[in-house]
PDB file of N, CA and C in Angstrom:
ATOM      1  N   MET A   1      98.632 112.656 116.527  1.00  0.00           N
ATOM      2  CA  MET A   1      98.511 111.214 116.533  1.00  0.00           C
ATOM      3  C   MET A   1      99.497 110.660 115.515  1.00  0.00           C
ATOM      4  N   GLN A   2     100.153 109.596 115.886  1.00  0.00           N
ATOM      5  CA  GLN A   2     101.039 108.913 114.954  1.00  0.00           C
ATOM      6  C   GLN A   2     100.203 108.178 113.904  1.00  0.00           C
ATOM      7  N   ALA A   3     100.664 108.158 112.680  1.00  0.00           N
ATOM      8  CA  ALA A   3      99.932 107.490 111.606  1.00  0.00           C
ATOM      9  C   ALA A   3      99.678 106.025 111.927  1.00  0.00           C
ATOM     10  N   SER A   4     100.612 105.384 112.611  1.00  0.00           N
ATOM     11  CA  SER A   4     100.459 103.958 112.936  1.00  0.00           C
ATOM     12  C   SER A   4      99.371 103.713 113.975  1.00  0.00           C
ATOM     13  N   GLN A   5      98.938 104.766 114.698  1.00  0.00           N
ATOM     14  CA  GLN A   5      97.902 104.616 115.713  1.00  0.00           C
ATOM     15  C   GLN A   5      96.495 104.658 115.125  1.00  0.00           C
ATOM     16  N   LEU A   6      96.355 105.102 113.892  1.00  0.00           N
ATOM     17  CA  LEU A   6      95.043 105.209 113.265  1.00  0.00           C
ATOM     18  C   LEU A   6      94.614 103.849 112.730  1.00  0.00           C
ATOM     19  N   GLU A   7      93.475 103.396 113.183  1.00  0.00           N
ATOM     20  CA  GLU A   7      92.925 102.135 112.715  1.00  0.00           C
ATOM     21  C   GLU A   7      91.472 102.364 112.309  1.00  0.00           C
ATOM     22  N   VAL A   8      91.137 102.062 111.078  1.00  0.00           N
ATOM     23  CA  VAL A   8      89.763 102.178 110.595  1.00  0.00           C
ATOM     24  C   VAL A   8      89.044 100.891 110.979  1.00  0.00           C
ATOM     25  N   LEU A   9      88.019 101.019 111.824  1.00  0.00           N
ATOM     26  CA  LEU A   9      87.323  99.839 112.325  1.00  0.00           C
ATOM     27  C   LEU A   9      86.180  99.396 111.423  1.00  0.00           C
ATOM     28  N   GLU A  10      85.510 100.349 110.781  1.00  0.00           N
ATOM     29  CA  GLU A  10      84.392 100.032 109.900  1.00  0.00           C
ATOM     30  C   GLU A  10      84.432 100.928 108.675  1.00  0.00           C
ATOM     31  N   GLY A  11      83.951 100.451 107.574  1.00  0.00           N
ATOM     32  CA  GLY A  11      83.802 101.257 106.377  1.00  0.00           C
ATOM     33  C   GLY A  11      85.073 101.508 105.596  1.00  0.00           C
ATOM     34  N   GLY A  12      86.127 100.787 105.895  1.00  0.00           N
ATOM     35  CA  GLY A  12      87.385 100.980 105.185  1.00  0.00           C
ATOM     36  C   GLY A  12      87.267 100.795 103.681  1.00  0.00           C
ATOM     37  N   ASP A  13      86.341  99.956 103.255  1.00  0.00           N
ATOM     38  CA  ASP A  13      86.147  99.724 101.825  1.00  0.00           C
ATOM     39  C   ASP A  13      85.472 100.916 101.142  1.00  0.00           C
ATOM     40  N   SER A  14      84.964 101.868 101.937  1.00  0.00           N
ATOM     41  CA  SER A  14      84.331 103.065 101.370  1.00  0.00           C
ATOM     42  C   SER A  14      85.267 104.264 101.346  1.00  0.00           C
ATOM     43  N   ILE A  15      86.491 104.083 101.786  1.00  0.00           N
ATOM     44  CA  ILE A  15      87.452 105.186 101.846  1.00  0.00           C
ATOM     45  C   ILE A  15      88.219 105.278 100.533  1.00  0.00           C
ATOM     46  N   SER A  16      88.240 106.476  99.961  1.00  0.00           N
ATOM     47  CA  SER A  16      89.075 106.754  98.797  1.00  0.00           C
ATOM     48  C   SER A  16      90.178 107.703  99.230  1.00  0.00           C
ATOM     49  N   VAL A  17      91.283 107.684  98.500  1.00  0.00           N
ATOM     50  CA  VAL A  17      92.449 108.474  98.871  1.00  0.00           C
ATOM     51  C   VAL A  17      92.794 109.434  97.743  1.00  0.00           C
ATOM     52  N   TYR A  18      93.084 110.670  98.116  1.00  0.00           N
ATOM     53  CA  TYR A  18      93.510 111.691  97.165  1.00  0.00           C
ATOM     54  C   TYR A  18      94.855 112.239  97.622  1.00  0.00           C
ATOM     55  N   THR A  19      95.786 112.366  96.719  1.00  0.00           N
ATOM     56  CA  THR A  19      97.066 113.010  97.009  1.00  0.00           C
ATOM     57  C   THR A  19      97.328 114.043  95.931  1.00  0.00           C
ATOM     58  N   PHE A  20      98.176 115.001  96.252  1.00  0.00           N
ATOM     59  CA  PHE A  20      98.585 115.988  95.256  1.00  0.00           C
ATOM     60  C   PHE A  20     100.026 116.378  95.534  1.00  0.00           C
ATOM     61  N   GLY A  21     100.586 117.166  94.652  1.00  0.00           N
ATOM     62  CA  GLY A  21     101.989 117.566  94.816  1.00  0.00           C
ATOM     63  C   GLY A  21     102.880 116.341  94.798  1.00  0.00           C
ATOM     64  N   GLU A  22     103.694 116.228  95.818  1.00  0.00           N
ATOM     65  CA  GLU A  22     104.606 115.089  95.917  1.00  0.00           C
ATOM     66  C   GLU A  22     103.940 113.836  96.473  1.00  0.00           C
ATOM     67  N   GLY A  23     102.668 113.928  96.823  1.00  0.00           N
ATOM     68  CA  GLY A  23     101.926 112.771  97.304  1.00  0.00           C
ATOM     69  C   GLY A  23     102.326 112.309  98.686  1.00  0.00           C
ATOM     70  N   ALA A  24     102.869 113.219  99.502  1.00  0.00           N
ATOM     71  CA  ALA A  24     103.369 112.845 100.822  1.00  0.00           C
ATOM     72  C   ALA A  24     102.264 112.667 101.852  1.00  0.00           C
ATOM     73  N   VAL A  25     101.083 113.231 101.594  1.00  0.00           N
ATOM     74  CA  VAL A  25      99.970 113.129 102.532  1.00  0.00           C
ATOM     75  C   VAL A  25      98.773 112.527 101.809  1.00  0.00           C
ATOM     76  N   GLU A  26      98.164 111.540 102.431  1.00  0.00           N
ATOM     77  CA  GLU A  26      96.954 110.923 101.892  1.00  0.00           C
ATOM     78  C   GLU A  26      95.748 111.624 102.496  1.00  0.00           C
ATOM     79  N   HIS A  27      94.912 112.193 101.654  1.00  0.00           N
ATOM     80  CA  HIS A  27      93.675 112.848 102.084  1.00  0.00           C
ATOM     81  C   HIS A  27      92.557 111.842 101.838  1.00  0.00           C
ATOM     82  N   CYS A  28      91.987 111.323 102.912  1.00  0.00           N
ATOM     83  CA  CYS A  28      91.017 110.240 102.800  1.00  0.00           C
ATOM     84  C   CYS A  28      89.597 110.773 102.932  1.00  0.00           C
ATOM     85  N   PHE A  29      88.710 110.232 102.133  1.00  0.00           N
ATOM     86  CA  PHE A  29      87.320 110.676 102.133  1.00  0.00           C
ATOM     87  C   PHE A  29      86.406 109.517 101.784  1.00  0.00           C
ATOM     88  N   CYS A  30      85.124 109.672 102.135  1.00  0.00           N
ATOM     89  CA  CYS A  30      84.128 108.656 101.826  1.00  0.00           C
ATOM     90  C   CYS A  30      83.786 108.729 100.337  1.00  0.00           C
ATOM     91  N   ARG A  31      83.901 107.634  99.638  1.00  0.00           N
ATOM     92  CA  ARG A  31      83.621 107.638  98.194  1.00  0.00           C
ATOM     93  C   ARG A  31      82.130 107.744  97.894  1.00  0.00           C
ATOM     94  N   HIS A  32      81.268 107.587  98.916  1.00  0.00           N
ATOM     95  CA  HIS A  32      79.822 107.693  98.712  1.00  0.00           C
ATOM     96  C   HIS A  32      79.309 109.119  98.917  1.00  0.00           C
ATOM     97  N   CYS A  33      79.723 109.741 100.027  1.00  0.00           N
ATOM     98  CA  CYS A  33      79.179 111.069 100.352  1.00  0.00           C
ATOM     99  C   CYS A  33      80.191 112.186 100.200  1.00  0.00           C
ATOM    100  N   GLY A  34      81.483 111.862 100.116  1.00  0.00           N
ATOM    101  CA  GLY A  34      82.506 112.873  99.890  1.00  0.00           C
ATOM    102  C   GLY A  34      83.070 113.533 101.138  1.00  0.00           C
ATOM    103  N   ILE A  35      82.581 113.193 102.336  1.00  0.00           N
ATOM    104  CA  ILE A  35      83.100 113.834 103.539  1.00  0.00           C
ATOM    105  C   ILE A  35      84.563 113.452 103.744  1.00  0.00           C
ATOM    106  N   ARG A  36      85.364 114.448 104.113  1.00  0.00           N
ATOM    107  CA  ARG A  36      86.775 114.200 104.419  1.00  0.00           C
ATOM    108  C   ARG A  36      86.841 113.565 105.802  1.00  0.00           C
ATOM    109  N   THR A  37      87.345 112.361 105.878  1.00  0.00           N
ATOM    110  CA  THR A  37      87.345 111.612 107.123  1.00  0.00           C
ATOM    111  C   THR A  37      88.640 111.773 107.913  1.00  0.00           C
ATOM    112  N   PHE A  38      89.770 111.635 107.234  1.00  0.00           N
ATOM    113  CA  PHE A  38      91.054 111.773 107.910  1.00  0.00           C
ATOM    114  C   PHE A  38      92.151 111.957 106.876  1.00  0.00           C
ATOM    115  N   GLY A  39      93.308 112.318 107.362  1.00  0.00           N
ATOM    116  CA  GLY A  39      94.494 112.425 106.524  1.00  0.00           C
ATOM    117  C   GLY A  39      95.651 111.782 107.261  1.00  0.00           C
ATOM    118  N   ARG A  40      96.645 111.350 106.523  1.00  0.00           N
ATOM    119  CA  ARG A  40      97.819 110.745 107.157  1.00  0.00           C
ATOM    120  C   ARG A  40      99.013 110.852 106.226  1.00  0.00           C
ATOM    121  N   SER A  41     100.187 110.918 106.825  1.00  0.00           N
ATOM    122  CA  SER A  41     101.401 110.886 106.022  1.00  0.00           C
ATOM    123  C   SER A  41     101.638 109.441 105.606  1.00  0.00           C
ATOM    124  N   ASN A  42     102.293 109.289 104.489  1.00  0.00           N
ATOM    125  CA  ASN A  42     102.462 107.928 103.963  1.00  0.00           C
ATOM    126  C   ASN A  42     103.922 107.498 103.877  1.00  0.00           C
ATOM    127  N   GLY A  43     104.771 108.121 104.674  1.00  0.00           N
ATOM    128  CA  GLY A  43     106.178 107.725 104.683  1.00  0.00           C
ATOM    129  C   GLY A  43     107.060 108.592 103.805  1.00  0.00           C
ATOM    130  N   ARG A  44     106.477 109.323 102.873  1.00  0.00           N
ATOM    131  CA  ARG A  44     107.265 110.209 102.012  1.00  0.00           C
ATOM    132  C   ARG A  44     107.215 111.650 102.497  1.00  0.00           C
ATOM    133  N   SER A  45     106.506 111.885 103.581  1.00  0.00           N
ATOM    134  CA  SER A  45     106.351 113.231 104.105  1.00  0.00           C
ATOM    135  C   SER A  45     107.615 113.670 104.831  1.00  0.00           C
ATOM    136  N   PRO A  46     108.066 114.915 104.618  1.00  0.00           N
ATOM    137  CA  PRO A  46     109.207 115.423 105.377  1.00  0.00           C
ATOM    138  C   PRO A  46     108.829 115.679 106.843  1.00  0.00           C
ATOM    139  N   MET A  47     107.524 115.757 107.109  1.00  0.00           N
ATOM    140  CA  MET A  47     107.060 115.906 108.485  1.00  0.00           C
ATOM    141  C   MET A  47     107.075 114.536 109.149  1.00  0.00           C
ATOM    142  N   HIS A  48     107.027 114.537 110.458  1.00  0.00           N
ATOM    143  CA  HIS A  48     106.963 113.263 111.170  1.00  0.00           C
ATOM    144  C   HIS A  48     105.689 112.524 110.769  1.00  0.00           C
ATOM    145  N   PRO A  49     105.670 111.208 110.918  1.00  0.00           N
ATOM    146  CA  PRO A  49     104.439 110.473 110.594  1.00  0.00           C
ATOM    147  C   PRO A  49     103.278 111.007 111.432  1.00  0.00           C
ATOM    148  N   PHE A  50     102.159 111.256 110.793  1.00  0.00           N
ATOM    149  CA  PHE A  50     101.014 111.789 111.526  1.00  0.00           C
ATOM    150  C   PHE A  50      99.722 111.292 110.917  1.00  0.00           C
ATOM    151  N   ALA A  51      98.666 111.405 111.703  1.00  0.00           N
ATOM    152  CA  ALA A  51      97.302 111.188 111.237  1.00  0.00           C
ATOM    153  C   ALA A  51      96.467 112.309 111.823  1.00  0.00           C
ATOM    154  N   ALA A  52      95.531 112.820 111.054  1.00  0.00           N
ATOM    155  CA  ALA A  52      94.627 113.874 111.507  1.00  0.00           C
ATOM    156  C   ALA A  52      93.209 113.425 111.193  1.00  0.00           C
ATOM    157  N   ILE A  53      92.351 113.461 112.202  1.00  0.00           N
ATOM    158  CA  ILE A  53      90.988 112.977 112.056  1.00  0.00           C
ATOM    159  C   ILE A  53      90.018 114.141 112.052  1.00  0.00           C
ATOM    160  N   ASN A  54      89.062 114.123 111.128  1.00  0.00           N
ATOM    161  CA  ASN A  54      87.983 115.101 111.107  1.00  0.00           C
ATOM    162  C   ASN A  54      87.054 114.738 112.265  1.00  0.00           C
ATOM    163  N   VAL A  55      87.104 115.519 113.359  1.00  0.00           N
ATOM    164  CA  VAL A  55      86.363 115.140 114.562  1.00  0.00           C
ATOM    165  C   VAL A  55      84.855 115.116 114.348  1.00  0.00           C
ATOM    166  N   SER A  56      84.363 115.795 113.335  1.00  0.00           N
ATOM    167  CA  SER A  56      82.917 115.759 113.087  1.00  0.00           C
ATOM    168  C   SER A  56      82.460 114.395 112.568  1.00  0.00           C
ATOM    169  N   THR A  57      83.392 113.521 112.231  1.00  0.00           N
ATOM    170  CA  THR A  57      83.031 112.174 111.789  1.00  0.00           C
ATOM    171  C   THR A  57      83.008 111.174 112.937  1.00  0.00           C
ATOM    172  N   LEU A  58      83.388 111.618 114.144  1.00  0.00           N
ATOM    173  CA  LEU A  58      83.406 110.721 115.294  1.00  0.00           C
ATOM    174  C   LEU A  58      82.042 110.681 115.966  1.00  0.00           C
ATOM    175  N   ASP A  59      81.692 109.530 116.473  1.00  0.00           N
ATOM    176  CA  ASP A  59      80.425 109.354 117.162  1.00  0.00           C
ATOM    177  C   ASP A  59      80.664 109.545 118.659  1.00  0.00           C
ATOM    178  N   LEU A  60      80.721 110.824 119.079  1.00  0.00           N
ATOM    179  CA  LEU A  60      80.988 111.175 120.471  1.00  0.00           C
ATOM    180  C   LEU A  60      79.961 112.191 120.954  1.00  0.00           C
ATOM    181  N   PRO A  61      79.662 112.183 122.249  1.00  0.00           N
ATOM    182  CA  PRO A  61      78.817 113.242 122.798  1.00  0.00           C
ATOM    183  C   PRO A  61      79.535 114.589 122.666  1.00  0.00           C
ATOM    184  N   SER A  62      78.779 115.662 122.487  1.00  0.00           N
ATOM    185  CA  SER A  62      79.375 116.974 122.237  1.00  0.00           C
ATOM    186  C   SER A  62      80.320 117.417 123.342  1.00  0.00           C
ATOM    187  N   GLU A  63      80.052 117.067 124.583  1.00  0.00           N
ATOM    188  CA  GLU A  63      80.944 117.495 125.668  1.00  0.00           C
ATOM    189  C   GLU A  63      82.321 116.830 125.566  1.00  0.00           C
ATOM    190  N   ASP A  64      82.411 115.670 124.932  1.00  0.00           N
ATOM    191  CA  ASP A  64      83.705 115.018 124.764  1.00  0.00           C
ATOM    192  C   ASP A  64      84.591 115.752 123.764  1.00  0.00           C
ATOM    193  N   PHE A  65      84.002 116.483 122.846  1.00  0.00           N
ATOM    194  CA  PHE A  65      84.804 117.236 121.879  1.00  0.00           C
ATOM    195  C   PHE A  65      85.621 118.329 122.557  1.00  0.00           C
ATOM    196  N   MET A  66      85.153 118.822 123.690  1.00  0.00           N
ATOM    197  CA  MET A  66      85.874 119.872 124.403  1.00  0.00           C
ATOM    198  C   MET A  66      87.187 119.354 124.985  1.00  0.00           C
ATOM    199  N   LYS A  67      87.370 118.053 125.049  1.00  0.00           N
ATOM    200  CA  LYS A  67      88.592 117.467 125.587  1.00  0.00           C
ATOM    201  C   LYS A  67      89.743 117.508 124.581  1.00  0.00           C
ATOM    202  N   PHE A  68      89.424 117.717 123.304  1.00  0.00           N
ATOM    203  CA  PHE A  68      90.452 117.777 122.271  1.00  0.00           C
ATOM    204  C   PHE A  68      91.110 119.151 122.280  1.00  0.00           C
ATOM    205  N   GLY A  69      92.395 119.180 122.015  1.00  0.00           N
ATOM    206  CA  GLY A  69      93.066 120.457 121.820  1.00  0.00           C
ATOM    207  C   GLY A  69      92.623 121.057 120.495  1.00  0.00           C
ATOM    208  N   ILE A  70      92.642 122.358 120.403  1.00  0.00           N
ATOM    209  CA  ILE A  70      92.203 123.027 119.183  1.00  0.00           C
ATOM    210  C   ILE A  70      93.383 123.707 118.516  1.00  0.00           C
ATOM    211  N   SER A  71      93.566 123.457 117.239  1.00  0.00           N
ATOM    212  CA  SER A  71      94.532 124.164 116.413  1.00  0.00           C
ATOM    213  C   SER A  71      93.761 124.810 115.284  1.00  0.00           C
ATOM    214  N   TYR A  72      94.084 126.048 114.983  1.00  0.00           N
ATOM    215  CA  TYR A  72      93.410 126.775 113.914  1.00  0.00           C
ATOM    216  C   TYR A  72      94.345 126.808 112.713  1.00  0.00           C
ATOM    217  N   LEU A  73      93.856 126.332 111.575  1.00  0.00           N
ATOM    218  CA  LEU A  73      94.648 126.253 110.354  1.00  0.00           C
ATOM    219  C   LEU A  73      93.975 127.074 109.277  1.00  0.00           C
ATOM    220  N   ASP A  74      94.735 127.914 108.600  1.00  0.00           N
ATOM    221  CA  ASP A  74      94.153 128.704 107.515  1.00  0.00           C
ATOM    222  C   ASP A  74      94.844 128.448 106.185  1.00  0.00           C
ATOM    223  N   GLY A  75      95.629 127.413 106.119  1.00  0.00           N
ATOM    224  CA  GLY A  75      96.337 127.092 104.887  1.00  0.00           C
ATOM    225  C   GLY A  75      97.723 127.694 104.828  1.00  0.00           C
ATOM    226  N   ALA A  76      97.976 128.711 105.641  1.00  0.00           N
ATOM    227  CA  ALA A  76      99.289 129.348 105.671  1.00  0.00           C
ATOM    228  C   ALA A  76      99.890 129.365 107.075  1.00  0.00           C
ATOM    229  N   HIS A  77      99.031 129.311 108.093  1.00  0.00           N
ATOM    230  CA  HIS A  77      99.494 129.441 109.469  1.00  0.00           C
ATOM    231  C   HIS A  77      98.817 128.407 110.363  1.00  0.00           C
ATOM    232  N   ASP A  78      99.539 127.949 111.356  1.00  0.00           N
ATOM    233  CA  ASP A  78      98.974 127.123 112.423  1.00  0.00           C
ATOM    234  C   ASP A  78      99.025 127.974 113.678  1.00  0.00           C
ATOM    235  N   SER A  79      97.986 127.936 114.482  1.00  0.00           N
ATOM    236  CA  SER A  79      97.944 128.789 115.660  1.00  0.00           C
ATOM    237  C   SER A  79      97.096 128.155 116.747  1.00  0.00           C
ATOM    238  N   GLN A  80      97.368 128.528 117.965  1.00  0.00           N
ATOM    239  CA  GLN A  80      96.529 128.147 119.085  1.00  0.00           C
ATOM    240  C   GLN A  80      95.527 129.263 119.396  1.00  0.00           C
ATOM    241  N   GLU A  81      95.676 130.391 118.735  1.00  0.00           N
ATOM    242  CA  GLU A  81      94.775 131.541 118.940  1.00  0.00           C
ATOM    243  C   GLU A  81      93.650 131.479 117.902  1.00  0.00           C
ATOM    244  N   PRO A  82      92.415 131.714 118.330  1.00  0.00           N
ATOM    245  CA  PRO A  82      91.296 131.693 117.364  1.00  0.00           C
ATOM    246  C   PRO A  82      91.388 132.878 116.410  1.00  0.00           C
ATOM    247  N   PRO A  83      90.839 132.738 115.203  1.00  0.00           N
ATOM    248  CA  PRO A  83      90.792 133.861 114.277  1.00  0.00           C
ATOM    249  C   PRO A  83      89.823 134.920 114.763  1.00  0.00           C
ATOM    250  N   ASP A  84      89.865 136.095 114.164  1.00  0.00           N
ATOM    251  CA  ASP A  84      88.977 137.181 114.567  1.00  0.00           C
ATOM    252  C   ASP A  84      87.514 136.807 114.391  1.00  0.00           C
ATOM    253  N   ILE A  85      87.198 136.070 113.331  1.00  0.00           N
ATOM    254  CA  ILE A  85      85.824 135.656 113.062  1.00  0.00           C
ATOM    255  C   ILE A  85      85.744 134.150 113.201  1.00  0.00           C
ATOM    256  N   THR A  86      84.874 133.669 114.093  1.00  0.00           N
ATOM    257  CA  THR A  86      84.767 132.227 114.322  1.00  0.00           C
ATOM    258  C   THR A  86      83.358 131.692 114.041  1.00  0.00           C
ATOM    259  N   ALA A  87      82.469 132.535 113.545  1.00  0.00           N
ATOM    260  CA  ALA A  87      81.082 132.114 113.327  1.00  0.00           C
ATOM    261  C   ALA A  87      80.966 130.934 112.363  1.00  0.00           C
ATOM    262  N   TYR A  88      81.904 130.790 111.472  1.00  0.00           N
ATOM    263  CA  TYR A  88      81.834 129.722 110.478  1.00  0.00           C
ATOM    264  C   TYR A  88      82.435 128.414 110.989  1.00  0.00           C
ATOM    265  N   LEU A  89      83.031 128.405 112.164  1.00  0.00           N
ATOM    266  CA  LEU A  89      83.683 127.197 112.687  1.00  0.00           C
ATOM    267  C   LEU A  89      82.699 126.254 113.318  1.00  0.00           C
TER     268      LEU A  89
END
């Protein structure tokens, strides 16, 4: 998703932003409960502008989640293949 496509409809005043390193990505979370809601590049990112949403924060029926593509991230690799152990996902 392009960063410009992300629009917070409710609760924007409860969102806090955390950055680290060069501050190229904004890690957004609820300042009340701490859940990570979404992340987005802020124009200083060497990557293309993007937004990533924590799908567990969306109010959707469970069958709709199957429509999303799945990427597995481990901090070092991005993959379309699931890890050997998926019980924690």
